[in-house]
Amino acid sequence: MSIYAISDLHLSFGDNKPMDIFGATWENHAEKIRENWNKKVKENDLVLLPGDFSWAMYLKDTYNDFEYLNSLLGKKLLLKGNHDYWWTTLKKMREYLKENNFQNIDFIYNNSYEYNNKIIVGTRGWQDGKTQEDRRLIKREIFRLGLSLQDGIKKYGDDKEIIVCMHYPPFNSYEEVDLSYIEIMKKYNVKTCIYGHLHGETAQKEAREGNIEGIQFRLVSCDYTDFDLIEVN
């Protein structure tokens, strides 16, 4: 059983917003993902999708995007991204999946999952910035990450490897912003963190990956991975 990750699918089957306006690399990107997915993922595998899944504005308009995802093999865990405006309460989203018989999808939202002796946790995160509002939102996201980590340890024990999922990169370029994402990950002995959000050559060129403070970081935005899934375990 394997764990894979791919972020920022930006699906729009129910909302005509083609991604190829951002460059030729995005042409037929959903089919590229499907083809790569089918080559790797087995029924019992887990796929982590840390944000920006659908362009839909409301949950009721996500049907075609979830139908696409549901048709692919494996269990899928979704995290909220900055463009997932359709995202609502965990209760409402789970009810929607159940009503539409989407049986192999769930959400990371102040909660946690155990898979193959590993704990999966996460939060959306927030972009770096100098404003007081940015600081407030970063503190909120750190708090939510803490809730997810505590939930995982309470339910599954403190002897399992932890994988953190975030949408925004867990780094800040401004020195005055408290870089506490890494500190809380170190506190709970996190070994792996995946994130998305970054698109385009300029932003992705500056992405931080590899071993930082004992944690392995990986950018999994789909245009960065050539629309392929990355194995994270």
C-alpha atoms as a PDB file:
ATOM      1  CA  MET A   1       0.000   0.000   0.000  1.00  0.00           C
ATOM      2  CA  SER A   2       1.428   3.353  -1.072  1.00  0.00           C
ATOM      3  CA  ILE A   3       0.768   7.028  -0.376  1.00  0.00           C
ATOM      4  CA  TYR A   4       0.852   9.479  -3.281  1.00  0.00           C
ATOM      5  CA  ALA A   5       0.303  13.227  -3.535  1.00  0.00           C
ATOM      6  CA  ILE A   6      -0.699  15.733  -6.195  1.00  0.00           C
ATOM      7  CA  SER A   7      -2.000  19.260  -5.660  1.00  0.00           C
ATOM      8  CA  ASP A   8      -3.832  22.065  -7.443  1.00  0.00           C
ATOM      9  CA  LEU A   9      -5.881  20.050  -9.925  1.00  0.00           C
ATOM     10  CA  HIS A  10      -8.037  23.130 -10.640  1.00  0.00           C
ATOM     11  CA  LEU A  11     -10.794  21.036 -12.185  1.00  0.00           C
ATOM     12  CA  SER A  12     -13.652  22.786 -13.961  1.00  0.00           C
ATOM     13  CA  PHE A  13     -15.862  20.078 -15.477  1.00  0.00           C
ATOM     14  CA  GLY A  14     -18.917  21.891 -14.127  1.00  0.00           C
ATOM     15  CA  ASP A  15     -17.566  25.411 -14.601  1.00  0.00           C
ATOM     16  CA  ASN A  16     -16.004  26.332 -17.925  1.00  0.00           C
ATOM     17  CA  LYS A  17     -12.650  27.653 -16.770  1.00  0.00           C
ATOM     18  CA  PRO A  18      -9.960  25.945 -18.862  1.00  0.00           C
ATOM     19  CA  MET A  19      -6.477  26.038 -17.382  1.00  0.00           C
ATOM     20  CA  ASP A  20      -4.689  26.278 -20.718  1.00  0.00           C
ATOM     21  CA  ILE A  21      -5.028  30.068 -20.507  1.00  0.00           C
ATOM     22  CA  PHE A  22      -2.038  29.733 -18.155  1.00  0.00           C
ATOM     23  CA  GLY A  23       0.090  28.059 -20.820  1.00  0.00           C
ATOM     24  CA  ALA A  24       0.280  25.119 -23.182  1.00  0.00           C
ATOM     25  CA  THR A  25       1.487  22.808 -20.413  1.00  0.00           C
ATOM     26  CA  TRP A  26      -2.044  22.897 -18.962  1.00  0.00           C
ATOM     27  CA  GLU A  27      -3.735  21.631 -22.147  1.00  0.00           C
ATOM     28  CA  ASN A  28      -5.871  18.555 -21.353  1.00  0.00           C
ATOM     29  CA  HIS A  29      -4.292  18.479 -17.909  1.00  0.00           C
ATOM     30  CA  ALA A  30      -7.139  16.440 -16.370  1.00  0.00           C
ATOM     31  CA  GLU A  31      -6.516  13.662 -18.877  1.00  0.00           C
ATOM     32  CA  LYS A  32      -2.767  13.812 -18.225  1.00  0.00           C
ATOM     33  CA  ILE A  33      -3.471  13.359 -14.532  1.00  0.00           C
ATOM     34  CA  ARG A  34      -5.872  10.479 -15.190  1.00  0.00           C
ATOM     35  CA  GLU A  35      -3.333   8.693 -17.388  1.00  0.00           C
ATOM     36  CA  ASN A  36      -0.507   9.064 -14.865  1.00  0.00           C
ATOM     37  CA  TRP A  37      -2.829   8.160 -11.982  1.00  0.00           C
ATOM     38  CA  ASN A  38      -3.951   4.928 -13.626  1.00  0.00           C
ATOM     39  CA  LYS A  39      -0.337   3.864 -14.171  1.00  0.00           C
ATOM     40  CA  LYS A  40       0.505   4.083 -10.466  1.00  0.00           C
ATOM     41  CA  VAL A  41      -2.393   3.981  -8.052  1.00  0.00           C
ATOM     42  CA  LYS A  42      -3.948   0.738  -6.847  1.00  0.00           C
ATOM     43  CA  GLU A  43      -7.298   0.277  -5.134  1.00  0.00           C
ATOM     44  CA  ASN A  44      -5.814   0.204  -1.628  1.00  0.00           C
ATOM     45  CA  ASP A  45      -3.455   3.163  -2.089  1.00  0.00           C
ATOM     46  CA  LEU A  46      -3.982   6.634  -0.613  1.00  0.00           C
ATOM     47  CA  VAL A  47      -3.749   9.906  -2.579  1.00  0.00           C
ATOM     48  CA  LEU A  48      -3.327  13.243  -0.807  1.00  0.00           C
ATOM     49  CA  LEU A  49      -4.663  16.343  -2.584  1.00  0.00           C
ATOM     50  CA  PRO A  50      -3.561  19.459  -0.666  1.00  0.00           C
ATOM     51  CA  GLY A  51      -5.781  22.161  -2.071  1.00  0.00           C
ATOM     52  CA  ASP A  52      -7.285  23.900  -5.093  1.00  0.00           C
ATOM     53  CA  PHE A  53      -9.230  20.879  -6.281  1.00  0.00           C
ATOM     54  CA  SER A  54     -12.137  22.618  -8.055  1.00  0.00           C
ATOM     55  CA  TRP A  55     -12.950  26.033  -9.509  1.00  0.00           C
ATOM     56  CA  ALA A  56     -16.618  25.633  -8.484  1.00  0.00           C
ATOM     57  CA  MET A  57     -17.983  28.404  -6.292  1.00  0.00           C
ATOM     58  CA  TYR A  58     -20.574  26.280  -4.483  1.00  0.00           C
ATOM     59  CA  LEU A  59     -20.614  22.700  -3.256  1.00  0.00           C
ATOM     60  CA  LYS A  60     -23.645  21.876  -5.420  1.00  0.00           C
ATOM     61  CA  ASP A  61     -21.588  22.741  -8.505  1.00  0.00           C
ATOM     62  CA  THR A  62     -18.725  20.353  -7.755  1.00  0.00           C
ATOM     63  CA  TYR A  63     -20.538  17.188  -8.880  1.00  0.00           C
ATOM     64  CA  ASN A  64     -18.647  16.641 -12.148  1.00  0.00           C
ATOM     65  CA  ASP A  65     -15.288  17.316 -10.535  1.00  0.00           C
ATOM     66  CA  PHE A  66     -15.961  14.870  -7.697  1.00  0.00           C
ATOM     67  CA  GLU A  67     -17.301  12.345 -10.197  1.00  0.00           C
ATOM     68  CA  TYR A  68     -13.961  12.526 -12.023  1.00  0.00           C
ATOM     69  CA  LEU A  69     -12.049  12.061  -8.770  1.00  0.00           C
ATOM     70  CA  ASN A  70     -14.307   9.260  -7.571  1.00  0.00           C
ATOM     71  CA  SER A  71     -13.702   7.348 -10.818  1.00  0.00           C
ATOM     72  CA  LEU A  72      -9.978   7.111 -10.070  1.00  0.00           C
ATOM     73  CA  LEU A  73      -8.515   4.322  -7.974  1.00  0.00           C
ATOM     74  CA  GLY A  74      -7.487   4.707  -4.355  1.00  0.00           C
ATOM     75  CA  LYS A  75      -8.696   6.563  -1.295  1.00  0.00           C
ATOM     76  CA  LYS A  76      -8.472  10.350  -1.637  1.00  0.00           C
ATOM     77  CA  LEU A  77      -8.010  12.948   1.089  1.00  0.00           C
ATOM     78  CA  LEU A  78      -8.649  16.587   0.187  1.00  0.00           C
ATOM     79  CA  LEU A  79      -7.344  19.698   1.922  1.00  0.00           C
ATOM     80  CA  LYS A  80      -8.710  23.218   1.416  1.00  0.00           C
ATOM     81  CA  GLY A  81      -6.855  25.552  -0.951  1.00  0.00           C
ATOM     82  CA  ASN A  82      -7.205  29.284  -1.470  1.00  0.00           C
ATOM     83  CA  HIS A  83      -9.439  28.770  -4.537  1.00  0.00           C
ATOM     84  CA  ASP A  84     -11.732  26.125  -3.027  1.00  0.00           C
ATOM     85  CA  TYR A  85     -14.612  28.539  -2.474  1.00  0.00           C
ATOM     86  CA  TRP A  86     -17.075  25.636  -2.525  1.00  0.00           C
ATOM     87  CA  TRP A  87     -15.557  24.313   0.723  1.00  0.00           C
ATOM     88  CA  THR A  88     -18.034  24.351   3.613  1.00  0.00           C
ATOM     89  CA  THR A  89     -18.390  22.442   6.880  1.00  0.00           C
ATOM     90  CA  LEU A  90     -17.030  18.921   7.216  1.00  0.00           C
ATOM     91  CA  LYS A  91     -20.541  17.679   7.991  1.00  0.00           C
ATOM     92  CA  LYS A  92     -22.059  19.223   4.846  1.00  0.00           C
ATOM     93  CA  MET A  93     -19.243  18.014   2.595  1.00  0.00           C
ATOM     94  CA  ARG A  94     -19.473  14.468   3.901  1.00  0.00           C
ATOM     95  CA  GLU A  95     -23.251  14.520   3.478  1.00  0.00           C
ATOM     96  CA  TYR A  96     -22.785  15.681  -0.123  1.00  0.00           C
ATOM     97  CA  LEU A  97     -20.390  12.827  -0.867  1.00  0.00           C
ATOM     98  CA  LYS A  98     -22.760  10.312   0.691  1.00  0.00           C
ATOM     99  CA  GLU A  99     -25.779  11.639  -1.232  1.00  0.00           C
ATOM    100  CA  ASN A 100     -23.885  11.269  -4.508  1.00  0.00           C
ATOM    101  CA  ASN A 101     -22.332   7.890  -3.652  1.00  0.00           C
ATOM    102  CA  PHE A 102     -18.761   9.198  -3.812  1.00  0.00           C
ATOM    103  CA  GLN A 103     -17.376   6.549  -1.503  1.00  0.00           C
ATOM    104  CA  ASN A 104     -13.600   6.868  -1.717  1.00  0.00           C
ATOM    105  CA  ILE A 105     -13.134  10.575  -0.857  1.00  0.00           C
ATOM    106  CA  ASP A 106     -12.805  12.419   2.449  1.00  0.00           C
ATOM    107  CA  PHE A 107     -11.374  15.648   3.858  1.00  0.00           C
ATOM    108  CA  ILE A 108      -8.582  16.815   6.146  1.00  0.00           C
ATOM    109  CA  TYR A 109     -10.158  19.548   8.257  1.00  0.00           C
ATOM    110  CA  ASN A 110      -9.049  19.848  11.904  1.00  0.00           C
ATOM    111  CA  ASN A 111      -8.890  16.048  11.941  1.00  0.00           C
ATOM    112  CA  SER A 112      -6.486  13.235  11.080  1.00  0.00           C
ATOM    113  CA  TYR A 113      -6.229   9.825   9.415  1.00  0.00           C
ATOM    114  CA  GLU A 114      -4.160   6.713   9.925  1.00  0.00           C
ATOM    115  CA  TYR A 115      -2.954   4.805   6.904  1.00  0.00           C
ATOM    116  CA  ASN A 116      -0.337   2.067   6.684  1.00  0.00           C
ATOM    117  CA  ASN A 117       0.957   2.924  10.169  1.00  0.00           C
ATOM    118  CA  LYS A 118       1.313   6.630   9.308  1.00  0.00           C
ATOM    119  CA  ILE A 119      -0.737   9.586  10.561  1.00  0.00           C
ATOM    120  CA  ILE A 120      -1.986  12.126   7.999  1.00  0.00           C
ATOM    121  CA  VAL A 121      -2.712  15.663   9.246  1.00  0.00           C
ATOM    122  CA  GLY A 122      -2.834  19.148   7.772  1.00  0.00           C
ATOM    123  CA  THR A 123      -4.137  22.664   7.384  1.00  0.00           C
ATOM    124  CA  ARG A 124      -4.397  25.186   4.546  1.00  0.00           C
ATOM    125  CA  GLY A 125      -1.758  27.610   5.809  1.00  0.00           C
ATOM    126  CA  TRP A 126      -1.475  31.225   4.723  1.00  0.00           C
ATOM    127  CA  GLN A 127       0.740  33.334   2.497  1.00  0.00           C
ATOM    128  CA  ASP A 128       3.538  35.309   4.059  1.00  0.00           C
ATOM    129  CA  GLY A 129       3.099  39.008   4.623  1.00  0.00           C
ATOM    130  CA  LYS A 130       3.804  41.943   6.849  1.00  0.00           C
ATOM    131  CA  THR A 131       0.292  42.960   7.797  1.00  0.00           C
ATOM    132  CA  GLN A 132      -1.386  42.363  11.124  1.00  0.00           C
ATOM    133  CA  GLU A 133      -4.122  40.388   9.342  1.00  0.00           C
ATOM    134  CA  ASP A 134      -1.507  38.100   7.772  1.00  0.00           C
ATOM    135  CA  ARG A 135      -0.035  37.427  11.202  1.00  0.00           C
ATOM    136  CA  ARG A 136      -3.469  36.702  12.624  1.00  0.00           C
ATOM    137  CA  LEU A 137      -4.257  34.203   9.866  1.00  0.00           C
ATOM    138  CA  ILE A 138      -0.877  32.505  10.181  1.00  0.00           C
ATOM    139  CA  LYS A 139      -1.456  32.056  13.918  1.00  0.00           C
ATOM    140  CA  ARG A 140      -4.904  30.634  13.174  1.00  0.00           C
ATOM    141  CA  GLU A 141      -3.462  28.122  10.722  1.00  0.00           C
ATOM    142  CA  ILE A 142      -0.729  27.097  13.142  1.00  0.00           C
ATOM    143  CA  PHE A 143      -3.458  26.525  15.744  1.00  0.00           C
ATOM    144  CA  ARG A 144      -5.429  24.396  13.272  1.00  0.00           C
ATOM    145  CA  LEU A 145      -2.343  22.365  12.436  1.00  0.00           C
ATOM    146  CA  GLY A 146      -1.905  21.794  16.154  1.00  0.00           C
ATOM    147  CA  LEU A 147      -5.497  20.567  16.441  1.00  0.00           C
ATOM    148  CA  SER A 148      -4.922  18.124  13.583  1.00  0.00           C
ATOM    149  CA  LEU A 149      -1.672  16.852  15.093  1.00  0.00           C
ATOM    150  CA  GLN A 150      -3.223  16.446  18.543  1.00  0.00           C
ATOM    151  CA  ASP A 151      -6.201  14.626  17.044  1.00  0.00           C
ATOM    152  CA  GLY A 152      -3.904  12.187  15.262  1.00  0.00           C
ATOM    153  CA  ILE A 153      -1.793  11.389  18.302  1.00  0.00           C
ATOM    154  CA  LYS A 154      -4.854  11.045  20.537  1.00  0.00           C
ATOM    155  CA  LYS A 155      -6.535   8.607  18.142  1.00  0.00           C
ATOM    156  CA  TYR A 156      -3.570   6.668  16.801  1.00  0.00           C
ATOM    157  CA  GLY A 157      -0.732   7.042  19.314  1.00  0.00           C
ATOM    158  CA  ASP A 158       2.597   8.852  19.339  1.00  0.00           C
ATOM    159  CA  ASP A 159       4.696   6.066  17.832  1.00  0.00           C
ATOM    160  CA  LYS A 160       3.702   6.537  14.171  1.00  0.00           C
ATOM    161  CA  GLU A 161       5.335   8.636  11.467  1.00  0.00           C
ATOM    162  CA  ILE A 162       3.401  11.846  10.713  1.00  0.00           C
ATOM    163  CA  ILE A 163       2.832  13.359   7.267  1.00  0.00           C
ATOM    164  CA  VAL A 164       1.695  16.998   7.190  1.00  0.00           C
ATOM    165  CA  CYS A 165      -0.301  18.342   4.229  1.00  0.00           C
ATOM    166  CA  MET A 166      -0.494  22.092   3.571  1.00  0.00           C
ATOM    167  CA  HIS A 167      -1.694  24.136   0.654  1.00  0.00           C
ATOM    168  CA  TYR A 168       0.441  27.232   1.096  1.00  0.00           C
ATOM    169  CA  PRO A 169       4.189  26.695   1.507  1.00  0.00           C
ATOM    170  CA  PRO A 170       5.023  26.425   5.231  1.00  0.00           C
ATOM    171  CA  PHE A 171       7.731  29.080   4.894  1.00  0.00           C
ATOM    172  CA  ASN A 172       7.776  32.867   5.108  1.00  0.00           C
ATOM    173  CA  SER A 173      10.179  35.237   3.423  1.00  0.00           C
ATOM    174  CA  TYR A 174       9.769  38.015   5.975  1.00  0.00           C
ATOM    175  CA  GLU A 175      11.929  37.710   9.065  1.00  0.00           C
ATOM    176  CA  GLU A 176       9.382  39.437  11.270  1.00  0.00           C
ATOM    177  CA  VAL A 177       6.773  36.748  10.599  1.00  0.00           C
ATOM    178  CA  ASP A 178       7.005  33.963  13.180  1.00  0.00           C
ATOM    179  CA  LEU A 179       7.999  30.796  11.306  1.00  0.00           C
ATOM    180  CA  SER A 180       6.119  28.511  13.686  1.00  0.00           C
ATOM    181  CA  TYR A 181       4.895  25.921  11.193  1.00  0.00           C
ATOM    182  CA  ILE A 182       8.262  24.207  11.320  1.00  0.00           C
ATOM    183  CA  GLU A 183       8.499  24.600  15.091  1.00  0.00           C
ATOM    184  CA  ILE A 184       5.185  22.831  15.685  1.00  0.00           C
ATOM    185  CA  MET A 185       6.143  20.091  13.214  1.00  0.00           C
ATOM    186  CA  LYS A 186       9.407  19.548  15.089  1.00  0.00           C
ATOM    187  CA  LYS A 187       7.508  19.473  18.383  1.00  0.00           C
ATOM    188  CA  TYR A 188       5.446  16.532  17.140  1.00  0.00           C
ATOM    189  CA  ASN A 189       8.379  14.836  15.364  1.00  0.00           C
ATOM    190  CA  VAL A 190       6.931  15.284  11.862  1.00  0.00           C
ATOM    191  CA  LYS A 191       9.132  13.705   9.183  1.00  0.00           C
ATOM    192  CA  THR A 192       7.370  14.710   5.948  1.00  0.00           C
ATOM    193  CA  CYS A 193       5.487  17.800   4.723  1.00  0.00           C
ATOM    194  CA  ILE A 194       3.919  18.228   1.291  1.00  0.00           C
ATOM    195  CA  TYR A 195       2.503  21.478  -0.069  1.00  0.00           C
ATOM    196  CA  GLY A 196       1.186  23.068  -3.257  1.00  0.00           C
ATOM    197  CA  HIS A 197      -0.057  26.506  -4.372  1.00  0.00           C
ATOM    198  CA  LEU A 198       3.049  27.533  -6.325  1.00  0.00           C
ATOM    199  CA  HIS A 199       2.632  27.784 -10.098  1.00  0.00           C
ATOM    200  CA  GLY A 200       4.831  28.972 -12.918  1.00  0.00           C
ATOM    201  CA  GLU A 201       8.555  28.760 -13.455  1.00  0.00           C
ATOM    202  CA  THR A 202       9.485  31.780 -11.331  1.00  0.00           C
ATOM    203  CA  ALA A 203       7.584  30.760  -8.206  1.00  0.00           C
ATOM    204  CA  GLN A 204       8.469  27.083  -8.486  1.00  0.00           C
ATOM    205  CA  LYS A 205      12.141  27.833  -9.055  1.00  0.00           C
ATOM    206  CA  GLU A 206      12.251  29.414  -5.596  1.00  0.00           C
ATOM    207  CA  ALA A 207      10.388  26.532  -3.906  1.00  0.00           C
ATOM    208  CA  ARG A 208      12.089  25.082  -0.852  1.00  0.00           C
ATOM    209  CA  GLU A 209      12.389  21.300  -0.893  1.00  0.00           C
ATOM    210  CA  GLY A 210      14.484  18.624   0.734  1.00  0.00           C
ATOM    211  CA  ASN A 211      15.528  18.181   4.351  1.00  0.00           C
ATOM    212  CA  ILE A 212      14.989  21.312   6.424  1.00  0.00           C
ATOM    213  CA  GLU A 213      15.298  21.101  10.203  1.00  0.00           C
ATOM    214  CA  GLY A 214      14.964  17.318   9.971  1.00  0.00           C
ATOM    215  CA  ILE A 215      11.716  17.465   7.954  1.00  0.00           C
ATOM    216  CA  GLN A 216      11.469  16.387   4.308  1.00  0.00           C
ATOM    217  CA  PHE A 217       9.554  19.019   2.302  1.00  0.00           C
ATOM    218  CA  ARG A 218       8.091  18.424  -1.159  1.00  0.00           C
ATOM    219  CA  LEU A 219       6.211  20.680  -3.583  1.00  0.00           C
ATOM    220  CA  VAL A 220       3.461  18.679  -5.330  1.00  0.00           C
ATOM    221  CA  SER A 221       1.638  21.267  -7.496  1.00  0.00           C
ATOM    222  CA  CYS A 222       0.558  19.279 -10.535  1.00  0.00           C
ATOM    223  CA  ASP A 223       2.219  21.525 -13.126  1.00  0.00           C
ATOM    224  CA  TYR A 224       5.475  21.204 -11.135  1.00  0.00           C
ATOM    225  CA  THR A 225       5.287  17.389 -11.147  1.00  0.00           C
ATOM    226  CA  ASP A 226       4.366  17.292 -14.862  1.00  0.00           C
ATOM    227  CA  PHE A 227       0.831  16.239 -13.796  1.00  0.00           C
ATOM    228  CA  ASP A 228       2.153  13.084 -12.210  1.00  0.00           C
ATOM    229  CA  LEU A 229       1.652  11.769  -8.687  1.00  0.00           C
ATOM    230  CA  ILE A 230       4.564  11.778  -6.264  1.00  0.00           C
ATOM    231  CA  GLU A 231       5.045   8.889  -3.835  1.00  0.00           C
ATOM    232  CA  VAL A 232       5.521  10.246  -0.330  1.00  0.00           C
ATOM    233  CA  ASN A 233       6.066   7.119   1.765  1.00  0.00           C
END
